[in-house]
Protein backbone atom coordinates (compact mmCIF):
# COMPACT_ATOMS: atom_id res chain seq x y z
CA MET A 1 131.64 100.70 111.99
CA VAL A 2 129.23 100.79 109.06
CA TRP A 3 126.31 101.91 111.21
CA LYS A 4 128.56 104.45 112.90
CA ASN A 5 129.33 105.91 109.47
CA ILE A 6 125.64 105.96 108.58
CA PHE A 7 124.73 107.74 111.78
CA VAL A 8 127.53 110.31 111.34
CA ALA A 9 126.39 110.86 107.75
CA LEU A 10 122.84 111.54 108.85
CA ILE A 11 124.04 113.92 111.55
CA VAL A 12 126.31 115.89 109.22
CA GLY A 13 123.84 116.15 106.39
CA THR A 14 120.84 117.04 108.49
CA PHE A 15 122.83 119.67 110.38
CA PHE A 16 123.35 121.66 107.18
CA LEU A 17 119.67 121.31 106.42
CA VAL A 18 118.42 122.67 109.71
CA SER A 19 121.17 124.99 110.89
CA GLY A 20 119.91 128.48 111.55
CA CYS A 21 116.28 127.45 111.73
CA SER A 22 113.93 125.66 114.08
CA LEU A 23 112.60 122.45 112.58
CA VAL A 24 109.40 121.04 114.01
CA ARG A 25 108.10 117.71 112.75
CA HIS A 26 104.83 119.06 111.42
CA THR A 27 106.55 121.74 109.31
CA ILE A 28 107.73 119.24 106.70
CA GLU A 29 105.88 116.63 104.70
CA HIS A 30 106.07 113.03 105.89
CA ALA A 31 105.99 109.96 103.69
CA PRO A 32 102.29 109.02 103.47
CA TYR A 33 101.03 105.72 104.83
CA SER A 34 97.96 104.20 106.42
CA VAL A 35 97.95 102.11 109.58
CA ILE A 36 96.26 98.76 109.10
CA GLU A 37 93.90 98.47 112.04
CA THR A 38 94.31 94.87 113.11
CA LYS A 39 94.01 93.24 116.49
CA ASN A 40 97.60 92.04 116.27
CA ALA A 41 98.94 95.54 115.65
CA LYS A 42 96.95 96.96 118.56
CA GLU A 43 98.23 94.26 120.90
CA ALA A 44 101.78 95.38 120.14
CA GLU A 45 101.11 98.98 121.08
CA SER A 46 103.31 98.77 124.17
CA GLU A 47 106.25 97.91 121.92
CA ASN A 48 105.48 100.76 119.49
CA ILE A 49 104.88 98.29 116.67
CA GLU A 50 102.34 98.74 113.92
CA VAL A 51 101.54 97.38 110.48
CA ARG A 52 101.42 100.00 107.72
CA GLU A 53 100.53 100.16 104.07
CA TYR A 54 102.54 102.46 101.82
CA GLN A 55 100.57 102.85 98.58
CA ARG A 56 103.30 104.74 96.76
CA LEU A 57 106.69 106.17 97.62
CA LEU A 58 108.91 107.91 95.09
CA LEU A 59 112.46 107.81 96.37
CA VAL A 60 115.60 109.50 95.12
CA THR A 61 118.57 107.38 96.14
CA ALA A 62 122.35 107.37 96.16
CA PRO A 63 124.92 104.82 97.37
CA MET A 64 126.88 105.61 100.48
CA ASN A 65 130.66 105.37 100.72
CA PRO A 66 131.57 103.96 104.16
CA GLY A 67 135.28 104.56 103.53
CA SER A 68 134.89 108.30 103.09
CA ARG A 69 135.07 110.88 105.87
CA GLU A 70 132.32 112.87 104.16
CA ASP A 71 129.17 111.12 103.21
CA GLY A 72 128.71 111.37 99.47
CA ALA A 73 125.14 110.06 99.47
CA PHE A 74 123.65 112.83 101.58
CA ARG A 75 125.55 115.52 99.68
CA LYS A 76 124.39 114.13 96.34
CA LEU A 77 120.77 113.88 97.43
CA PHE A 78 120.77 117.30 99.03
CA ALA A 79 122.31 118.76 95.86
CA TYR A 80 119.54 117.14 93.81
CA ILE A 81 116.70 118.69 95.85
CA SER A 82 118.60 122.00 95.95
CA GLY A 83 118.44 122.34 92.16
CA GLU A 84 121.10 120.04 90.72
CA ASN A 85 118.53 118.49 88.41
CA SER A 86 117.31 118.84 84.83
CA LYS A 87 114.80 121.57 85.72
CA GLU A 88 117.08 123.35 88.22
CA GLN A 89 114.11 123.01 90.55
CA GLU A 90 114.28 123.26 94.33
CA ILE A 91 112.34 120.46 95.99
CA SER A 92 111.11 120.49 99.56
CA MET A 93 112.80 118.24 102.08
CA THR A 94 110.57 115.52 103.51
CA ALA A 95 110.85 112.97 106.31
CA PRO A 96 112.09 110.41 106.92
CA VAL A 97 115.51 109.77 105.47
CA PHE A 98 115.65 106.06 104.63
CA MET A 99 118.77 103.93 104.79
CA ASP A 100 119.03 100.48 103.26
CA PRO A 101 122.11 98.60 104.50
CA ALA A 102 121.39 95.69 102.15
CA LYS A 103 122.01 97.80 99.06
CA THR A 104 125.58 98.97 99.55
CA GLU A 105 124.53 101.30 102.36
CA GLN A 106 122.05 103.13 100.18
CA MET A 107 120.39 106.35 101.38
CA SER A 108 117.08 107.71 100.10
CA PHE A 109 115.04 110.89 100.32
CA VAL A 110 111.28 110.68 99.77
CA LEU A 111 110.04 113.09 97.13
CA PRO A 112 106.88 115.07 97.99
CA GLU A 113 103.63 113.25 97.25
CA SER A 114 102.81 115.63 94.39
CA PHE A 115 105.69 114.24 92.31
CA GLU A 116 105.26 111.39 89.85
CA LEU A 117 108.04 109.42 88.24
CA SER A 118 107.12 111.09 84.94
CA THR A 119 107.24 114.63 86.38
CA ALA A 120 110.24 114.48 88.72
CA PRO A 121 113.26 116.32 87.29
CA SER A 122 116.11 114.04 86.25
CA PRO A 123 119.23 114.07 88.42
CA LYS A 124 122.36 115.59 86.89
CA ASP A 125 124.51 113.19 88.92
CA ALA A 126 124.51 109.70 87.40
CA ALA A 127 124.88 108.16 90.87
CA VAL A 128 121.46 109.53 91.90
CA GLU A 129 118.53 107.37 90.84
CA PHE A 130 114.79 107.06 91.31
CA GLN A 131 113.09 104.15 93.00
CA GLU A 132 109.32 103.80 93.14
CA LEU A 133 107.71 101.57 95.75
CA ARG A 134 104.06 100.57 95.49
CA ASP A 135 101.65 98.68 97.72
CA MET A 136 104.18 97.92 100.42
CA LYS A 137 102.95 96.28 103.61
CA MET A 138 105.43 97.02 106.39
CA ALA A 139 105.86 96.01 110.01
CA VAL A 140 107.38 98.96 111.82
CA ILE A 141 108.88 99.50 115.24
CA ARG A 142 109.38 103.03 116.48
CA PHE A 143 112.06 104.03 118.98
CA SER A 144 113.80 107.10 120.34
CA GLY A 145 117.45 107.82 121.00
CA THR A 146 120.22 107.70 118.45
CA LEU A 147 120.57 105.55 115.34
CA SER A 148 123.32 103.58 116.97
CA GLU A 149 124.17 100.04 115.92
CA GLU A 150 122.95 98.76 119.30
CA ASN A 151 119.59 100.57 119.12
CA ILE A 152 118.98 99.39 115.59
CA SER A 153 119.95 95.80 116.36
CA ASP A 154 117.85 95.62 119.55
CA ASN A 155 114.74 96.98 117.86
CA ARG A 156 115.20 94.86 114.76
CA THR A 157 115.34 91.75 116.98
CA ILE A 158 112.10 92.75 118.74
CA LEU A 159 110.36 93.43 115.42
CA GLU A 160 111.50 90.21 113.76
CA ALA A 161 110.31 88.17 116.76
CA TRP A 162 106.93 89.92 116.67
CA ILE A 163 106.55 89.27 112.93
CA THR A 164 107.17 85.56 113.49
CA GLU A 165 104.79 85.42 116.48
CA GLN A 166 101.99 87.01 114.44
CA GLY A 167 102.38 84.55 111.58
CA PHE A 168 103.67 87.07 109.03
CA GLU A 169 106.56 86.39 106.69
CA MET A 170 109.37 88.85 106.03
CA ASP A 171 109.26 89.88 102.39
CA GLY A 172 112.17 92.20 101.68
CA PRO A 173 115.17 94.05 103.06
CA VAL A 174 115.19 95.92 106.34
CA LEU A 175 114.95 99.72 106.13
CA ILE A 176 116.06 102.24 108.74
CA ALA A 177 114.32 105.61 109.00
CA GLY A 178 115.34 108.80 110.79
CA TYR A 179 112.90 111.70 111.17
CA ASP A 180 114.60 114.31 113.31
CA PRO A 181 117.60 116.66 113.14
CA PRO A 182 120.61 115.98 115.36
CA THR A 183 119.77 119.11 117.36
CA SER A 184 116.76 117.24 118.76
CA ILE A 185 116.99 115.82 122.26
CA PRO A 186 117.74 112.09 121.75
CA TRP A 187 114.80 110.72 123.75
CA PHE A 188 112.40 112.89 121.69
CA ARG A 189 113.70 111.63 118.35
CA ARG A 190 111.68 109.40 116.08
CA ASN A 191 113.53 106.49 114.53
CA GLU A 192 112.13 103.36 112.93
CA VAL A 193 113.04 99.91 111.69
CA LEU A 194 110.78 98.80 108.85
CA ILE A 195 110.46 95.29 107.41
CA PRO A 196 108.25 94.37 104.42
CA ILE A 197 105.86 91.54 105.28
CA ARG A 198 103.21 89.33 103.71
């Protein structure tokens, strides 16, 4: 039920973002990362697994409310980038939208790379907070379709097994990432499970 709520939340929120316009992946900024070119990562290519390094991500986050029909987290985050901040500044939407089920179903937007923690406008809503991630090494599996509980669970199992086989250790909570609007054809969508490793 929790993942169902998360998926519905992503659908509803993203619909308002992209309604009336055609959104193509390359038209919005993506969270920057570099692929670590290792033999192990290349061997996993058939499973769409790779090891990435995220040098810096500045996230704006809000807790989700699984008991609510409307998802408060997406509305709060969208309000923040729409100008509900100390500078009344509109901020470009980026991809992906991250979800962290380990932190009370937390949802995060990635701020554009040009923003620093010191320059980002403060949220007016006390429930919206910043989180800065630095030097994160992540094992990532990419998959299409919907962000259903089954899809997430199946791909997480594959990724965790691969991490163990390669001799890595899991080093943090699992993240879920969605890149595409709900108007996209499911088998063309880009979804990811990400696990910090060392």
